[in-house]
Amino acid sequence: MELNDLLGIGNFTLVEESYANQKWIGRTLEYLGKIKEEDVVEAIRIFAGSSGEDKELIGIAIYDKSLGFWIIFTDVIADKRSKEEFEALASEIKGDKEREVEVERVKFREGVIEFYSVGLVNRLFCDCDLKDASFYPRERTEALKKVLADFLIFSANSSGEGIGENMNTLEIGCGNGGATIALHESGIFPIAADVNKCEICKGLEEGVLKPKKSVVLDCSTVSTFFDKEFEVVLGFMIGKLTPFNRFEWERVLSEVHKVLKSRGRVLFTVSSEEEAGIVKEILKDEFEGEIKENKDSDGYLDHWIYVGTLRE
């Protein structure tokens, strides 16, 4: 896995039970405080930084003598207070052998995401019983690819740049990856997030979702885990929107502008014109947007589209 390659180590584990828990690192701090010097065969201090910048400690890996494998402790996405405590505890860790490793922060974060994705599929973090293969209608994929082709043209005309593998994109409410297939086939490889870990697990098992880019998260909290780092946020069939449950999706959609770069773009699909209007209303203060009918839709899935650009 990515972390094996970055750190040059063998079998390893992280102590938190989910990627979301890496924000508060309760177990990490507890376990770090209990490590005894005689238990540590080797220690690796993990730093992130680039040329001309101060290096930042984002983790420490230890090879535990009694367990016989590596344990990686990290504060890569932790809040400020937890980071301070982490650094203090990590500074006390000593081993017979010590070394430092510099990594790219993005690559390291991908490695952490991958660990939890593989853990889901191996039922370490998920106990769902996936007996039946998921169904991914080819007709929907082809219809969405046409929508995305138009969106790519719109985006290129708006910014002078295209969208592709090197662009930072986020898909919210990805489910089992039903729409993610169309993204991948259009050259877009987003971080795909959903609160339902069994749906993520299905997508991973089917090979539709990518382990390094699939994360179990409540999408109403994405700004807690990501900075203003995305050029595009996408969401397909984002939920049954009515005046009665509008507040549920307001919590999600109000997060979107917080993780977008300047003049970032969004693409959302829903099943009805009424729902598209609700999306536009929710986003009107932050986005310049328009509603379109998707005439290639089956009449329900992705039938209406909202496209918007973040106001400056």
Protein backbone atom coordinates (compact mmCIF):
# COMPACT_ATOMS: atom_id res chain seq x y z
CA MET A 1 0.00 0.00 0.00
CA GLU A 2 0.97 3.66 -0.28
CA LEU A 3 2.18 3.94 3.32
CA ASN A 4 4.40 0.87 2.93
CA ASP A 5 6.10 2.52 -0.05
CA LEU A 6 6.39 5.98 1.50
CA LEU A 7 7.92 4.74 4.75
CA GLY A 8 9.74 1.65 3.52
CA ILE A 9 8.09 -0.62 6.09
CA GLY A 10 6.30 -3.97 6.21
CA ASN A 11 3.02 -4.84 7.92
CA PHE A 12 1.47 -1.93 9.79
CA THR A 13 -1.70 -0.64 11.41
CA LEU A 14 -3.21 2.69 12.42
CA VAL A 15 -4.89 2.86 15.81
CA GLU A 16 -7.97 4.99 15.01
CA GLU A 17 -11.06 3.07 13.88
CA SER A 18 -11.96 5.39 10.99
CA TYR A 19 -10.61 8.20 8.85
CA ALA A 20 -13.04 10.59 10.57
CA ASN A 21 -11.56 9.72 13.96
CA GLN A 22 -8.17 10.89 12.68
CA LYS A 23 -9.50 14.41 13.19
CA TRP A 24 -9.58 14.03 16.97
CA ILE A 25 -7.01 11.21 17.43
CA GLY A 26 -8.27 10.18 20.87
CA ARG A 27 -6.88 6.64 20.64
CA THR A 28 -3.67 7.89 19.06
CA LEU A 29 -2.91 10.17 22.00
CA GLU A 30 -3.90 7.52 24.53
CA TYR A 31 -1.68 4.86 22.98
CA LEU A 32 1.26 7.21 22.46
CA GLY A 33 1.19 8.04 26.16
CA LYS A 34 1.55 4.36 27.08
CA ILE A 35 4.53 3.44 24.88
CA LYS A 36 7.62 2.31 26.79
CA GLU A 37 11.10 2.70 25.37
CA GLU A 38 11.87 -1.01 25.78
CA ASP A 39 8.94 -1.87 23.47
CA VAL A 40 10.29 0.19 20.54
CA VAL A 41 12.69 -1.58 18.20
CA GLU A 42 12.72 1.20 15.60
CA ALA A 43 11.10 4.60 15.24
CA ILE A 44 10.47 6.64 12.10
CA ARG A 45 9.60 10.32 12.37
CA ILE A 46 7.46 11.38 9.43
CA PHE A 47 7.71 14.94 8.13
CA ALA A 48 5.85 16.86 5.45
CA GLY A 49 7.26 19.93 3.77
CA SER A 50 8.65 21.27 0.55
CA SER A 51 11.81 23.04 -0.49
CA GLY A 52 12.24 26.33 1.37
CA GLU A 53 9.57 25.52 3.95
CA ASP A 54 9.86 24.32 7.51
CA LYS A 55 9.25 20.62 7.87
CA GLU A 56 6.18 19.65 9.87
CA LEU A 57 5.96 16.46 11.92
CA ILE A 58 2.82 14.63 10.76
CA GLY A 59 3.45 11.19 12.17
CA ILE A 60 5.63 8.67 13.90
CA ALA A 61 5.87 4.97 13.13
CA ILE A 62 7.20 2.47 15.62
CA TYR A 63 8.07 -1.19 15.28
CA ASP A 64 6.64 -2.83 18.38
CA LYS A 65 8.83 -5.61 19.80
CA SER A 66 6.02 -7.68 21.30
CA LEU A 67 3.49 -7.22 18.48
CA GLY A 68 5.98 -7.78 15.68
CA PHE A 69 4.61 -5.14 13.30
CA TRP A 70 4.59 -1.39 12.71
CA ILE A 71 2.14 1.04 14.30
CA ILE A 72 1.69 4.41 12.57
CA PHE A 73 0.51 7.35 14.64
CA THR A 74 -0.43 10.50 12.75
CA ASP A 75 -1.97 13.93 13.25
CA VAL A 76 -2.07 14.73 9.52
CA ILE A 77 -5.70 15.95 9.63
CA ALA A 78 -6.00 16.57 13.39
CA ASP A 79 -7.17 19.83 14.95
CA LYS A 80 -4.61 22.30 16.34
CA ARG A 81 -4.96 21.36 20.00
CA SER A 82 -4.57 17.64 19.26
CA LYS A 83 -1.52 18.38 17.09
CA GLU A 84 0.21 20.14 19.97
CA GLU A 85 -0.39 17.19 22.29
CA PHE A 86 0.68 14.76 19.57
CA GLU A 87 4.00 16.52 19.00
CA ALA A 88 4.72 16.59 22.73
CA LEU A 89 4.07 12.85 23.12
CA ALA A 90 5.91 11.93 19.90
CA SER A 91 9.01 13.80 21.07
CA GLU A 92 9.26 11.40 24.02
CA ILE A 93 9.36 8.27 21.85
CA LYS A 94 12.80 6.68 21.62
CA GLY A 95 14.01 3.55 19.85
CA ASP A 96 17.21 1.58 19.38
CA LYS A 97 17.14 2.75 15.77
CA GLU A 98 15.66 6.03 14.57
CA ARG A 99 15.32 7.70 11.20
CA GLU A 100 13.40 10.47 9.48
CA VAL A 101 11.30 10.31 6.33
CA GLU A 102 9.98 13.25 4.31
CA VAL A 103 6.74 12.69 2.42
CA GLU A 104 4.27 14.65 0.34
CA ARG A 105 1.31 15.50 2.56
CA VAL A 106 -1.22 14.60 -0.17
CA LYS A 107 0.42 11.21 -0.79
CA PHE A 108 0.49 10.47 2.93
CA ARG A 109 -3.18 11.41 3.31
CA GLU A 110 -4.02 9.15 0.37
CA GLY A 111 -2.18 6.36 2.15
CA VAL A 112 -4.25 6.87 5.28
CA ILE A 113 -7.48 6.87 3.23
CA GLU A 114 -6.33 3.71 1.45
CA PHE A 115 -5.71 1.95 4.78
CA TYR A 116 -9.31 2.48 5.85
CA SER A 117 -10.65 1.51 2.41
CA VAL A 118 -8.77 -1.78 2.47
CA GLY A 119 -9.90 -2.27 6.07
CA LEU A 120 -13.54 -1.91 5.00
CA VAL A 121 -13.20 -4.55 2.30
CA ASN A 122 -11.40 -6.87 4.72
CA ARG A 123 -14.23 -6.31 7.27
CA LEU A 124 -11.95 -4.72 9.85
CA PHE A 125 -14.15 -1.61 9.98
CA CYS A 126 -17.34 -2.87 8.34
CA ASP A 127 -19.53 -5.89 9.10
CA CYS A 128 -21.90 -5.60 6.14
CA ASP A 129 -22.89 -8.78 4.31
CA LEU A 130 -22.47 -8.17 0.59
CA LYS A 131 -23.98 -11.23 -1.07
CA ASP A 132 -25.23 -9.65 -4.27
CA ALA A 133 -23.20 -7.72 -6.80
CA SER A 134 -24.18 -4.09 -7.23
CA PHE A 135 -25.96 -3.04 -10.40
CA TYR A 136 -24.56 -0.16 -12.40
CA PRO A 137 -26.89 0.72 -15.33
CA ARG A 138 -24.84 1.40 -18.43
CA GLU A 139 -27.53 3.73 -19.76
CA ARG A 140 -27.07 6.04 -16.77
CA THR A 141 -23.30 6.04 -17.18
CA GLU A 142 -23.53 7.05 -20.84
CA ALA A 143 -26.10 9.77 -20.10
CA LEU A 144 -23.92 11.19 -17.33
CA LYS A 145 -20.86 11.19 -19.57
CA LYS A 146 -22.73 13.52 -21.94
CA VAL A 147 -23.58 15.80 -19.01
CA LEU A 148 -19.95 15.78 -17.93
CA ALA A 149 -18.71 16.51 -21.47
CA ASP A 150 -20.84 19.67 -21.49
CA PHE A 151 -19.63 20.55 -18.00
CA LEU A 152 -16.01 20.15 -19.02
CA ILE A 153 -16.55 22.55 -21.93
CA PHE A 154 -18.31 25.01 -19.62
CA SER A 155 -15.51 24.76 -17.06
CA ALA A 156 -12.76 25.22 -19.63
CA ASN A 157 -14.50 28.28 -21.06
CA SER A 158 -14.96 29.72 -17.57
CA SER A 159 -11.41 29.27 -16.31
CA GLY A 160 -9.26 28.54 -19.31
CA GLU A 161 -8.40 25.20 -17.69
CA GLY A 162 -9.76 21.72 -18.13
CA ILE A 163 -10.62 19.19 -15.47
CA GLY A 164 -8.86 15.89 -15.25
CA GLU A 165 -6.74 13.57 -13.17
CA ASN A 166 -4.47 16.36 -11.94
CA MET A 167 -7.34 18.60 -10.84
CA ASN A 168 -8.59 18.35 -7.27
CA THR A 169 -12.21 17.23 -7.31
CA LEU A 170 -14.61 16.02 -4.64
CA GLU A 171 -17.72 13.89 -5.10
CA ILE A 172 -20.20 14.10 -2.23
CA GLY A 173 -22.76 11.38 -1.60
CA CYS A 174 -20.99 8.92 -3.89
CA GLY A 175 -22.83 5.85 -2.54
CA ASN A 176 -21.52 2.68 -4.16
CA GLY A 177 -20.00 4.61 -7.05
CA GLY A 178 -22.95 4.47 -9.44
CA ALA A 179 -22.06 7.87 -10.91
CA THR A 180 -18.34 7.66 -10.19
CA ILE A 181 -17.93 5.30 -13.13
CA ALA A 182 -18.94 8.09 -15.50
CA LEU A 183 -16.46 10.43 -13.82
CA HIS A 184 -13.58 7.99 -14.22
CA GLU A 185 -14.47 7.31 -17.85
CA SER A 186 -14.50 11.09 -18.40
CA GLY A 187 -10.99 11.46 -16.98
CA ILE A 188 -12.11 12.84 -13.59
CA PHE A 189 -10.81 11.08 -10.47
CA PRO A 190 -12.36 12.66 -7.38
CA ILE A 191 -12.09 11.98 -3.70
CA ALA A 192 -15.43 10.20 -3.25
CA ALA A 193 -17.18 10.65 0.11
CA ASP A 194 -20.30 9.14 1.63
CA VAL A 195 -21.59 8.64 5.18
CA ASN A 196 -22.69 5.05 4.47
CA LYS A 197 -19.67 2.81 4.95
CA CYS A 198 -21.43 -0.26 3.52
CA GLU A 199 -22.10 1.60 0.26
CA ILE A 200 -18.44 2.65 0.08
CA CYS A 201 -17.50 -0.96 0.80
CA LYS A 202 -19.70 -2.18 -2.09
CA GLY A 203 -18.09 0.24 -4.50
CA LEU A 204 -14.62 -0.78 -3.40
CA GLU A 205 -15.40 -4.49 -3.74
CA GLU A 206 -16.80 -3.94 -7.23
CA GLY A 207 -13.64 -2.06 -8.21
CA VAL A 208 -15.67 1.04 -9.01
CA LEU A 209 -14.29 3.22 -6.20
CA LYS A 210 -10.56 3.82 -5.76
CA PRO A 211 -9.08 2.83 -2.34
CA LYS A 212 -6.86 5.92 -2.15
CA LYS A 213 -9.75 8.25 -2.94
CA SER A 214 -12.79 6.79 -1.13
CA VAL A 215 -13.63 7.97 2.35
CA VAL A 216 -16.48 7.44 4.81
CA LEU A 217 -17.54 10.91 5.93
CA ASP A 218 -20.67 12.82 6.84
CA CYS A 219 -20.73 15.25 3.92
CA SER A 220 -22.19 17.97 6.15
CA THR A 221 -18.74 18.11 7.80
CA VAL A 222 -16.40 18.10 4.77
CA SER A 223 -14.87 21.48 5.63
CA THR A 224 -13.71 19.93 8.91
CA PHE A 225 -11.53 17.52 6.95
CA PHE A 226 -10.58 19.46 3.81
CA ASP A 227 -9.28 22.97 3.20
CA LYS A 228 -10.10 25.17 0.21
CA GLU A 229 -8.37 22.67 -2.05
CA PHE A 230 -10.87 21.62 -4.72
CA GLU A 231 -11.50 23.10 -8.13
CA VAL A 232 -14.76 21.17 -8.49
CA VAL A 233 -17.36 19.57 -6.22
CA LEU A 234 -19.84 17.12 -7.75
CA GLY A 235 -22.91 15.30 -6.48
CA PHE A 236 -25.30 13.02 -8.32
CA MET A 237 -28.89 12.38 -7.21
CA ILE A 238 -27.92 14.23 -4.05
CA GLY A 239 -31.14 13.45 -2.19
CA LYS A 240 -34.88 13.75 -2.20
CA LEU A 241 -35.26 17.50 -1.73
CA THR A 242 -38.59 18.86 -0.58
CA PRO A 243 -39.56 21.96 1.42
CA PHE A 244 -39.97 19.62 4.41
CA ASN A 245 -36.50 18.04 4.44
CA ARG A 246 -34.65 20.93 2.86
CA PHE A 247 -32.68 21.60 6.05
CA GLU A 248 -30.95 18.19 5.79
CA TRP A 249 -29.40 19.08 2.43
CA GLU A 250 -28.80 22.69 3.42
CA ARG A 251 -26.31 21.34 5.98
CA VAL A 252 -24.46 19.52 3.20
CA LEU A 253 -24.65 22.14 0.47
CA SER A 254 -23.65 24.97 2.82
CA GLU A 255 -20.30 23.21 3.23
CA VAL A 256 -19.43 23.18 -0.46
CA HIS A 257 -18.11 26.73 -0.86
CA LYS A 258 -15.82 26.21 2.15
CA VAL A 259 -13.72 23.59 0.35
CA LEU A 260 -13.58 25.23 -3.10
CA LYS A 261 -10.78 27.35 -4.48
CA SER A 262 -11.50 30.76 -5.96
CA ARG A 263 -14.03 30.51 -8.81
CA GLY A 264 -14.50 26.83 -8.05
CA ARG A 265 -17.34 25.03 -9.81
CA VAL A 266 -20.11 22.64 -8.82
CA LEU A 267 -22.30 20.15 -10.66
CA PHE A 268 -25.28 18.53 -8.95
CA THR A 269 -28.04 16.35 -10.35
CA VAL A 270 -31.51 15.67 -8.96
CA SER A 271 -34.68 14.02 -10.24
CA SER A 272 -37.06 16.98 -10.56
CA GLU A 273 -37.10 20.63 -11.56
CA GLU A 274 -38.48 21.51 -8.12
CA GLU A 275 -35.47 19.94 -6.44
CA ALA A 276 -33.09 21.75 -8.78
CA GLY A 277 -34.80 25.00 -7.81
CA ILE A 278 -34.25 24.24 -4.13
CA VAL A 279 -30.56 23.60 -4.79
CA LYS A 280 -30.27 26.92 -6.63
CA GLU A 281 -32.05 28.73 -3.81
CA ILE A 282 -29.79 27.23 -1.14
CA LEU A 283 -26.64 28.17 -3.09
CA LYS A 284 -27.70 31.59 -4.40
CA ASP A 285 -25.52 33.64 -2.03
CA GLU A 286 -22.28 31.80 -2.81
CA PHE A 287 -22.75 30.71 -6.43
CA GLU A 288 -23.74 32.02 -9.83
CA GLY A 289 -25.78 29.09 -11.05
CA GLU A 290 -28.21 27.79 -13.62
CA ILE A 291 -30.62 24.89 -13.96
CA LYS A 292 -30.79 22.62 -17.00
CA GLU A 293 -32.90 19.64 -18.02
CA ASN A 294 -30.99 16.48 -18.89
CA LYS A 295 -33.00 15.15 -21.82
CA ASP A 296 -30.83 12.02 -22.03
CA SER A 297 -31.98 10.96 -18.57
CA ASP A 298 -34.37 8.07 -18.05
CA GLY A 299 -36.83 10.59 -16.70
CA TYR A 300 -35.83 10.17 -13.08
CA LEU A 301 -32.12 9.61 -12.50
CA ASP A 302 -30.15 12.84 -13.00
CA HIS A 303 -33.09 14.41 -14.86
CA TRP A 304 -32.27 17.95 -13.73
CA ILE A 305 -28.86 19.58 -13.39
CA TYR A 306 -27.53 22.50 -11.38
CA VAL A 307 -24.23 24.02 -12.54
CA GLY A 308 -22.62 26.85 -10.57
CA THR A 309 -19.47 28.93 -10.16
CA LEU A 310 -18.32 30.27 -6.82
CA ARG A 311 -18.71 34.04 -6.57
CA GLU A 312 -15.55 36.06 -6.00
